PDB file of all heavy atoms in Angstrom:
ATOM      1  N   LYS A   1     -28.298 -18.845 -21.245  1.00  0.00           N
ATOM      2  CA  LYS A   1     -27.159 -18.058 -20.769  1.00  0.00           C
ATOM      3  C   LYS A   1     -27.636 -16.662 -20.364  1.00  0.00           C
ATOM      4  O   LYS A   1     -27.632 -15.722 -21.161  1.00  0.00           O
ATOM      5  CB  LYS A   1     -26.080 -17.947 -21.856  1.00  0.00           C
ATOM      6  CG  LYS A   1     -25.640 -19.277 -22.444  1.00  0.00           C
ATOM      7  CD  LYS A   1     -25.009 -20.200 -21.400  1.00  0.00           C
ATOM      8  CE  LYS A   1     -24.531 -21.494 -22.043  1.00  0.00           C
ATOM      9  NZ  LYS A   1     -23.955 -22.422 -21.033  1.00  0.00           N
ATOM     10  N   ASN A   2     -28.069 -16.531 -19.146  1.00  0.00           N
ATOM     11  CA  ASN A   2     -28.495 -15.208 -18.662  1.00  0.00           C
ATOM     12  C   ASN A   2     -27.962 -14.971 -17.252  1.00  0.00           C
ATOM     13  O   ASN A   2     -28.697 -14.600 -16.339  1.00  0.00           O
ATOM     14  CB  ASN A   2     -30.024 -15.082 -18.688  1.00  0.00           C
ATOM     15  CG  ASN A   2     -30.719 -16.158 -17.868  1.00  0.00           C
ATOM     16  OD1 ASN A   2     -30.110 -17.151 -17.464  1.00  0.00           O
ATOM     17  ND2 ASN A   2     -32.001 -15.962 -17.600  1.00  0.00           N
ATOM     18  N   HIS A   3     -26.655 -15.164 -17.078  1.00  0.00           N
ATOM     19  CA  HIS A   3     -26.042 -15.080 -15.758  1.00  0.00           C
ATOM     20  C   HIS A   3     -26.108 -13.675 -15.170  1.00  0.00           C
ATOM     21  O   HIS A   3     -25.948 -13.506 -13.957  1.00  0.00           O
ATOM     22  CB  HIS A   3     -24.583 -15.541 -15.841  1.00  0.00           C
ATOM     23  CG  HIS A   3     -24.421 -16.933 -16.401  1.00  0.00           C
ATOM     24  ND1 HIS A   3     -25.012 -18.024 -15.809  1.00  0.00           N
ATOM     25  CD2 HIS A   3     -23.771 -17.397 -17.491  1.00  0.00           C
ATOM     26  CE1 HIS A   3     -24.715 -19.108 -16.503  1.00  0.00           C
ATOM     27  NE2 HIS A   3     -23.971 -18.755 -17.548  1.00  0.00           N
ATOM     28  N   TRP A   4     -26.327 -12.664 -15.998  1.00  0.00           N
ATOM     29  CA  TRP A   4     -26.413 -11.296 -15.496  1.00  0.00           C
ATOM     30  C   TRP A   4     -27.618 -11.101 -14.569  1.00  0.00           C
ATOM     31  O   TRP A   4     -27.656 -10.144 -13.793  1.00  0.00           O
ATOM     32  CB  TRP A   4     -26.513 -10.321 -16.669  1.00  0.00           C
ATOM     33  CG  TRP A   4     -27.723 -10.565 -17.534  1.00  0.00           C
ATOM     34  CD1 TRP A   4     -28.975 -10.076 -17.351  1.00  0.00           C
ATOM     35  CD2 TRP A   4     -27.783 -11.392 -18.710  1.00  0.00           C
ATOM     36  NE1 TRP A   4     -29.831 -10.531 -18.323  1.00  0.00           N
ATOM     37  CE2 TRP A   4     -29.121 -11.338 -19.176  1.00  0.00           C
ATOM     38  CE3 TRP A   4     -26.844 -12.161 -19.394  1.00  0.00           C
ATOM     39  CZ2 TRP A   4     -29.531 -12.050 -20.301  1.00  0.00           C
ATOM     40  CZ3 TRP A   4     -27.253 -12.849 -20.517  1.00  0.00           C
ATOM     41  CH2 TRP A   4     -28.579 -12.798 -20.964  1.00  0.00           C
ATOM     42  N   VAL A   5     -28.576 -12.020 -14.663  1.00  0.00           N
ATOM     43  CA  VAL A   5     -29.779 -11.914 -13.824  1.00  0.00           C
ATOM     44  C   VAL A   5     -29.418 -11.924 -12.336  1.00  0.00           C
ATOM     45  O   VAL A   5     -30.105 -11.323 -11.507  1.00  0.00           O
ATOM     46  CB  VAL A   5     -30.751 -13.065 -14.160  1.00  0.00           C
ATOM     47  CG1 VAL A   5     -31.904 -13.121 -13.165  1.00  0.00           C
ATOM     48  CG2 VAL A   5     -31.280 -12.892 -15.581  1.00  0.00           C
ATOM     49  N   TRP A   6     -28.306 -12.603 -12.000  1.00  0.00           N
ATOM     50  CA  TRP A   6     -27.885 -12.640 -10.600  1.00  0.00           C
ATOM     51  C   TRP A   6     -27.570 -11.240 -10.056  1.00  0.00           C
ATOM     52  O   TRP A   6     -27.677 -11.007  -8.844  1.00  0.00           O
ATOM     53  CB  TRP A   6     -26.623 -13.500 -10.436  1.00  0.00           C
ATOM     54  CG  TRP A   6     -26.808 -14.973 -10.654  1.00  0.00           C
ATOM     55  CD1 TRP A   6     -26.367 -15.691 -11.729  1.00  0.00           C
ATOM     56  CD2 TRP A   6     -27.436 -15.918  -9.786  1.00  0.00           C
ATOM     57  NE1 TRP A   6     -26.690 -17.025 -11.585  1.00  0.00           N
ATOM     58  CE2 TRP A   6     -27.351 -17.192 -10.391  1.00  0.00           C
ATOM     59  CE3 TRP A   6     -28.071 -15.804  -8.551  1.00  0.00           C
ATOM     60  CZ2 TRP A   6     -27.871 -18.335  -9.817  1.00  0.00           C
ATOM     61  CZ3 TRP A   6     -28.592 -16.947  -7.964  1.00  0.00           C
ATOM     62  CH2 TRP A   6     -28.498 -18.200  -8.592  1.00  0.00           C
ATOM     63  N   PHE A   7     -27.209 -10.311 -10.937  1.00  0.00           N
ATOM     64  CA  PHE A   7     -26.631  -9.045 -10.478  1.00  0.00           C
ATOM     65  C   PHE A   7     -27.413  -7.793 -10.881  1.00  0.00           C
ATOM     66  O   PHE A   7     -27.167  -6.726 -10.309  1.00  0.00           O
ATOM     67  CB  PHE A   7     -25.196  -8.907 -11.012  1.00  0.00           C
ATOM     68  CG  PHE A   7     -24.354 -10.137 -10.801  1.00  0.00           C
ATOM     69  CD1 PHE A   7     -24.065 -10.990 -11.864  1.00  0.00           C
ATOM     70  CD2 PHE A   7     -23.856 -10.441  -9.549  1.00  0.00           C
ATOM     71  CE1 PHE A   7     -23.295 -12.121 -11.680  1.00  0.00           C
ATOM     72  CE2 PHE A   7     -23.080 -11.572  -9.349  1.00  0.00           C
ATOM     73  CZ  PHE A   7     -22.796 -12.421 -10.415  1.00  0.00           C
ATOM     74  N   ASP A   8     -28.297  -7.893 -11.868  1.00  0.00           N
ATOM     75  CA  ASP A   8     -28.912  -6.659 -12.385  1.00  0.00           C
ATOM     76  C   ASP A   8     -30.291  -6.364 -11.790  1.00  0.00           C
ATOM     77  O   ASP A   8     -30.978  -5.454 -12.253  1.00  0.00           O
ATOM     78  CB  ASP A   8     -29.014  -6.722 -13.911  1.00  0.00           C
ATOM     79  CG  ASP A   8     -29.990  -7.789 -14.392  1.00  0.00           C
ATOM     80  OD1 ASP A   8     -30.519  -8.545 -13.541  1.00  0.00           O
ATOM     81  OD2 ASP A   8     -30.218  -7.882 -15.619  1.00  0.00           O
ATOM     82  N   GLY A   9     -30.719  -7.120 -10.796  1.00  0.00           N
ATOM     83  CA  GLY A   9     -32.003  -6.856 -10.157  1.00  0.00           C
ATOM     84  C   GLY A   9     -33.190  -7.473 -10.854  1.00  0.00           C
ATOM     85  O   GLY A   9     -34.344  -7.250 -10.438  1.00  0.00           O
ATOM     86  N   SER A  10     -32.957  -8.272 -11.898  1.00  0.00           N
ATOM     87  CA  SER A  10     -34.069  -8.880 -12.636  1.00  0.00           C
ATOM     88  C   SER A  10     -34.854  -9.880 -11.784  1.00  0.00           C
ATOM     89  O   SER A  10     -36.046 -10.117 -12.035  1.00  0.00           O
ATOM     90  CB  SER A  10     -33.543  -9.588 -13.883  1.00  0.00           C
ATOM     91  OG  SER A  10     -32.914  -8.684 -14.761  1.00  0.00           O
ATOM     92  N   LEU A  11     -34.203 -10.452 -10.779  1.00  0.00           N
ATOM     93  CA  LEU A  11     -34.894 -11.417  -9.918  1.00  0.00           C
ATOM     94  C   LEU A  11     -36.051 -10.762  -9.168  1.00  0.00           C
ATOM     95  O   LEU A  11     -37.008 -11.435  -8.782  1.00  0.00           O
ATOM     96  CB  LEU A  11     -33.917 -12.039  -8.914  1.00  0.00           C
ATOM     97  CG  LEU A  11     -32.876 -13.009  -9.481  1.00  0.00           C
ATOM     98  CD1 LEU A  11     -31.928 -13.466  -8.380  1.00  0.00           C
ATOM     99  CD2 LEU A  11     -33.545 -14.224 -10.124  1.00  0.00           C
ATOM    100  N   TYR A  12     -35.983  -9.439  -8.995  1.00  0.00           N
ATOM    101  CA  TYR A  12     -37.048  -8.740  -8.289  1.00  0.00           C
ATOM    102  C   TYR A  12     -38.273  -8.520  -9.170  1.00  0.00           C
ATOM    103  O   TYR A  12     -39.283  -7.979  -8.710  1.00  0.00           O
ATOM    104  CB  TYR A  12     -36.538  -7.388  -7.777  1.00  0.00           C
ATOM    105  CG  TYR A  12     -35.308  -7.476  -6.914  1.00  0.00           C
ATOM    106  CD1 TYR A  12     -34.282  -6.552  -7.033  1.00  0.00           C
ATOM    107  CD2 TYR A  12     -35.163  -8.503  -5.978  1.00  0.00           C
ATOM    108  CE1 TYR A  12     -33.137  -6.630  -6.239  1.00  0.00           C
ATOM    109  CE2 TYR A  12     -34.031  -8.594  -5.180  1.00  0.00           C
ATOM    110  CZ  TYR A  12     -33.018  -7.659  -5.316  1.00  0.00           C
ATOM    111  OH  TYR A  12     -31.901  -7.740  -4.527  1.00  0.00           O
ATOM    112  N   GLU A  13     -38.185  -8.936 -10.427  1.00  0.00           N
ATOM    113  CA  GLU A  13     -39.316  -8.800 -11.350  1.00  0.00           C
ATOM    114  C   GLU A  13     -40.052 -10.124 -11.543  1.00  0.00           C
ATOM    115  O   GLU A  13     -40.882 -10.250 -12.433  1.00  0.00           O
ATOM    116  CB  GLU A  13     -38.821  -8.284 -12.702  1.00  0.00           C
ATOM    117  CG  GLU A  13     -38.114  -6.932 -12.610  1.00  0.00           C
ATOM    118  CD  GLU A  13     -37.457  -6.537 -13.926  1.00  0.00           C
ATOM    119  OE1 GLU A  13     -37.596  -7.303 -14.900  1.00  0.00           O
ATOM    120  OE2 GLU A  13     -36.814  -5.468 -13.969  1.00  0.00           O
ATOM    121  N   CYS A  14     -39.727 -11.096 -10.697  1.00  0.00           N
ATOM    122  CA  CYS A  14     -40.333 -12.427 -10.837  1.00  0.00           C
ATOM    123  C   CYS A  14     -41.376 -12.657  -9.747  1.00  0.00           C
ATOM    124  O   CYS A  14     -41.399 -13.690  -9.078  1.00  0.00           O
ATOM    125  CB  CYS A  14     -39.239 -13.497 -10.763  1.00  0.00           C
ATOM    126  SG  CYS A  14     -39.730 -15.097 -11.441  1.00  0.00           S
ATOM    127  N   GLY A  15     -42.224 -11.669  -9.561  1.00  0.00           N
ATOM    128  CA  GLY A  15     -43.317 -11.808  -8.602  1.00  0.00           C
ATOM    129  C   GLY A  15     -43.065 -11.153  -7.265  1.00  0.00           C
ATOM    130  O   GLY A  15     -44.010 -10.732  -6.592  1.00  0.00           O
ATOM    131  N   LEU A  16     -41.802 -11.083  -6.835  1.00  0.00           N
ATOM    132  CA  LEU A  16     -41.471 -10.490  -5.541  1.00  0.00           C
ATOM    133  C   LEU A  16     -40.595  -9.257  -5.759  1.00  0.00           C
ATOM    134  O   LEU A  16     -39.579  -9.329  -6.445  1.00  0.00           O
ATOM    135  CB  LEU A  16     -40.713 -11.490  -4.658  1.00  0.00           C
ATOM    136  CG  LEU A  16     -41.472 -12.725  -4.169  1.00  0.00           C
ATOM    137  CD1 LEU A  16     -40.546 -13.616  -3.349  1.00  0.00           C
ATOM    138  CD2 LEU A  16     -42.698 -12.335  -3.347  1.00  0.00           C
ATOM    139  N   ASN A  17     -40.976  -8.131  -5.150  1.00  0.00           N
ATOM    140  CA  ASN A  17     -40.127  -6.948  -5.228  1.00  0.00           C
ATOM    141  C   ASN A  17     -38.928  -7.114  -4.295  1.00  0.00           C
ATOM    142  O   ASN A  17     -38.808  -8.112  -3.581  1.00  0.00           O
ATOM    143  CB  ASN A  17     -40.918  -5.679  -4.896  1.00  0.00           C
ATOM    144  CG  ASN A  17     -41.559  -5.749  -3.510  1.00  0.00           C
ATOM    145  OD1 ASN A  17     -41.068  -6.428  -2.609  1.00  0.00           O
ATOM    146  ND2 ASN A  17     -42.670  -5.039  -3.348  1.00  0.00           N
ATOM    147  N   GLN A  18     -38.042  -6.148  -4.304  1.00  0.00           N
ATOM    148  CA  GLN A  18     -36.799  -6.261  -3.539  1.00  0.00           C
ATOM    149  C   GLN A  18     -37.076  -6.428  -2.040  1.00  0.00           C
ATOM    150  O   GLN A  18     -36.413  -7.208  -1.359  1.00  0.00           O
ATOM    151  CB  GLN A  18     -35.916  -5.041  -3.769  1.00  0.00           C
ATOM    152  CG  GLN A  18     -34.547  -5.147  -3.094  1.00  0.00           C
ATOM    153  CD  GLN A  18     -33.624  -4.004  -3.456  1.00  0.00           C
ATOM    154  OE1 GLN A  18     -34.003  -3.124  -4.225  1.00  0.00           O
ATOM    155  NE2 GLN A  18     -32.411  -4.011  -2.927  1.00  0.00           N
ATOM    156  N   LYS A  19     -38.061  -5.716  -1.523  1.00  0.00           N
ATOM    157  CA  LYS A  19     -38.383  -5.796  -0.105  1.00  0.00           C
ATOM    158  C   LYS A  19     -38.830  -7.204   0.268  1.00  0.00           C
ATOM    159  O   LYS A  19     -38.352  -7.790   1.251  1.00  0.00           O
ATOM    160  CB  LYS A  19     -39.480  -4.777   0.230  1.00  0.00           C
ATOM    161  CG  LYS A  19     -39.932  -4.811   1.674  1.00  0.00           C
ATOM    162  CD  LYS A  19     -41.060  -3.806   1.906  1.00  0.00           C
ATOM    163  CE  LYS A  19     -41.590  -3.912   3.332  1.00  0.00           C
ATOM    164  NZ  LYS A  19     -42.712  -2.950   3.573  1.00  0.00           N
ATOM    165  N   ASN A  20     -39.760  -7.765  -0.506  1.00  0.00           N
ATOM    166  CA  ASN A  20     -40.261  -9.107  -0.203  1.00  0.00           C
ATOM    167  C   ASN A  20     -39.203 -10.177  -0.458  1.00  0.00           C
ATOM    168  O   ASN A  20     -39.142 -11.179   0.259  1.00  0.00           O
ATOM    169  CB  ASN A  20     -41.511  -9.399  -1.037  1.00  0.00           C
ATOM    170  CG  ASN A  20     -42.762  -8.860  -0.403  1.00  0.00           C
ATOM    171  OD1 ASN A  20     -43.211  -9.347   0.625  1.00  0.00           O
ATOM    172  ND2 ASN A  20     -43.325  -7.820  -0.998  1.00  0.00           N
ATOM    173  N   PHE A  21     -38.367  -9.953  -1.475  1.00  0.00           N
ATOM    174  CA  PHE A  21     -37.296 -10.907  -1.758  1.00  0.00           C
ATOM    175  C   PHE A  21     -36.297 -10.929  -0.599  1.00  0.00           C
ATOM    176  O   PHE A  21     -35.862 -12.008  -0.155  1.00  0.00           O
ATOM    177  CB  PHE A  21     -36.593 -10.531  -3.060  1.00  0.00           C
ATOM    178  CG  PHE A  21     -35.743 -11.634  -3.630  1.00  0.00           C
ATOM    179  CD1 PHE A  21     -36.263 -12.533  -4.548  1.00  0.00           C
ATOM    180  CD2 PHE A  21     -34.417 -11.783  -3.241  1.00  0.00           C
ATOM    181  CE1 PHE A  21     -35.486 -13.556  -5.070  1.00  0.00           C
ATOM    182  CE2 PHE A  21     -33.623 -12.792  -3.759  1.00  0.00           C
ATOM    183  CZ  PHE A  21     -34.156 -13.684  -4.679  1.00  0.00           C
ATOM    184  N   SER A  22     -35.944  -9.767  -0.084  1.00  0.00           N
ATOM    185  CA  SER A  22     -35.016  -9.687   1.044  1.00  0.00           C
ATOM    186  C   SER A  22     -35.621 -10.319   2.293  1.00  0.00           C
ATOM    187  O   SER A  22     -34.935 -11.030   3.042  1.00  0.00           O
ATOM    188  CB  SER A  22     -34.647  -8.227   1.320  1.00  0.00           C
ATOM    189  OG  SER A  22     -34.021  -7.648   0.198  1.00  0.00           O
ATOM    190  N   LEU A  23     -36.901 -10.049   2.510  1.00  0.00           N
ATOM    191  CA  LEU A  23     -37.581 -10.644   3.657  1.00  0.00           C
ATOM    192  C   LEU A  23     -37.583 -12.167   3.555  1.00  0.00           C
ATOM    193  O   LEU A  23     -37.391 -12.877   4.553  1.00  0.00           O
ATOM    194  CB  LEU A  23     -39.018 -10.112   3.741  1.00  0.00           C
ATOM    195  CG  LEU A  23     -39.862 -10.600   4.918  1.00  0.00           C
ATOM    196  CD1 LEU A  23     -39.227 -10.199   6.244  1.00  0.00           C
ATOM    197  CD2 LEU A  23     -41.278 -10.036   4.818  1.00  0.00           C
ATOM    198  N   MET A  24     -37.771 -12.669   2.351  1.00  0.00           N
ATOM    199  CA  MET A  24     -37.744 -14.122   2.127  1.00  0.00           C
ATOM    200  C   MET A  24     -36.365 -14.695   2.477  1.00  0.00           C
ATOM    201  O   MET A  24     -36.269 -15.733   3.143  1.00  0.00           O
ATOM    202  CB  MET A  24     -38.081 -14.414   0.663  1.00  0.00           C
ATOM    203  CG  MET A  24     -37.977 -15.875   0.269  1.00  0.00           C
ATOM    204  SD  MET A  24     -38.154 -16.096  -1.523  1.00  0.00           S
ATOM    205  CE  MET A  24     -36.623 -15.343  -2.120  1.00  0.00           C
ATOM    206  N   ILE A  25     -35.306 -14.028   2.051  1.00  0.00           N
ATOM    207  CA  ILE A  25     -33.951 -14.502   2.332  1.00  0.00           C
ATOM    208  C   ILE A  25     -33.689 -14.535   3.835  1.00  0.00           C
ATOM    209  O   ILE A  25     -33.139 -15.514   4.371  1.00  0.00           O
ATOM    210  CB  ILE A  25     -32.908 -13.616   1.627  1.00  0.00           C
ATOM    211  CG1 ILE A  25     -33.071 -13.716   0.103  1.00  0.00           C
ATOM    212  CG2 ILE A  25     -31.497 -14.023   2.040  1.00  0.00           C
ATOM    213  CD1 ILE A  25     -32.883 -15.105  -0.450  1.00  0.00           C
ATOM    214  N   TRP A  26     -34.096 -13.482   4.556  1.00  0.00           N
ATOM    215  CA  TRP A  26     -33.899 -13.458   6.002  1.00  0.00           C
ATOM    216  C   TRP A  26     -34.701 -14.574   6.677  1.00  0.00           C
ATOM    217  O   TRP A  26     -34.243 -15.192   7.645  1.00  0.00           O
ATOM    218  CB  TRP A  26     -34.299 -12.102   6.575  1.00  0.00           C
ATOM    219  CG  TRP A  26     -33.272 -11.041   6.348  1.00  0.00           C
ATOM    220  CD1 TRP A  26     -33.349  -9.975   5.495  1.00  0.00           C
ATOM    221  CD2 TRP A  26     -31.993 -10.951   6.970  1.00  0.00           C
ATOM    222  NE1 TRP A  26     -32.205  -9.224   5.538  1.00  0.00           N
ATOM    223  CE2 TRP A  26     -31.344  -9.798   6.447  1.00  0.00           C
ATOM    224  CE3 TRP A  26     -31.311 -11.715   7.920  1.00  0.00           C
ATOM    225  CZ2 TRP A  26     -30.068  -9.403   6.842  1.00  0.00           C
ATOM    226  CZ3 TRP A  26     -30.038 -11.329   8.309  1.00  0.00           C
ATOM    227  CH2 TRP A  26     -29.437 -10.188   7.782  1.00  0.00           C
ATOM    228  N   GLY A  27     -35.903 -14.839   6.168  1.00  0.00           N
ATOM    229  CA  GLY A  27     -36.710 -15.923   6.717  1.00  0.00           C
ATOM    230  C   GLY A  27     -36.062 -17.275   6.505  1.00  0.00           C
ATOM    231  O   GLY A  27     -36.085 -18.139   7.393  1.00  0.00           O
TER     232      GLY A  27
END
């Protein structure tokens, strides 16, 4: 149960920073 991960920016700590994560989404 860690649904807050969707919103608190923790996903950017899983190897990809915010810039690369955003670039991945656009790709």
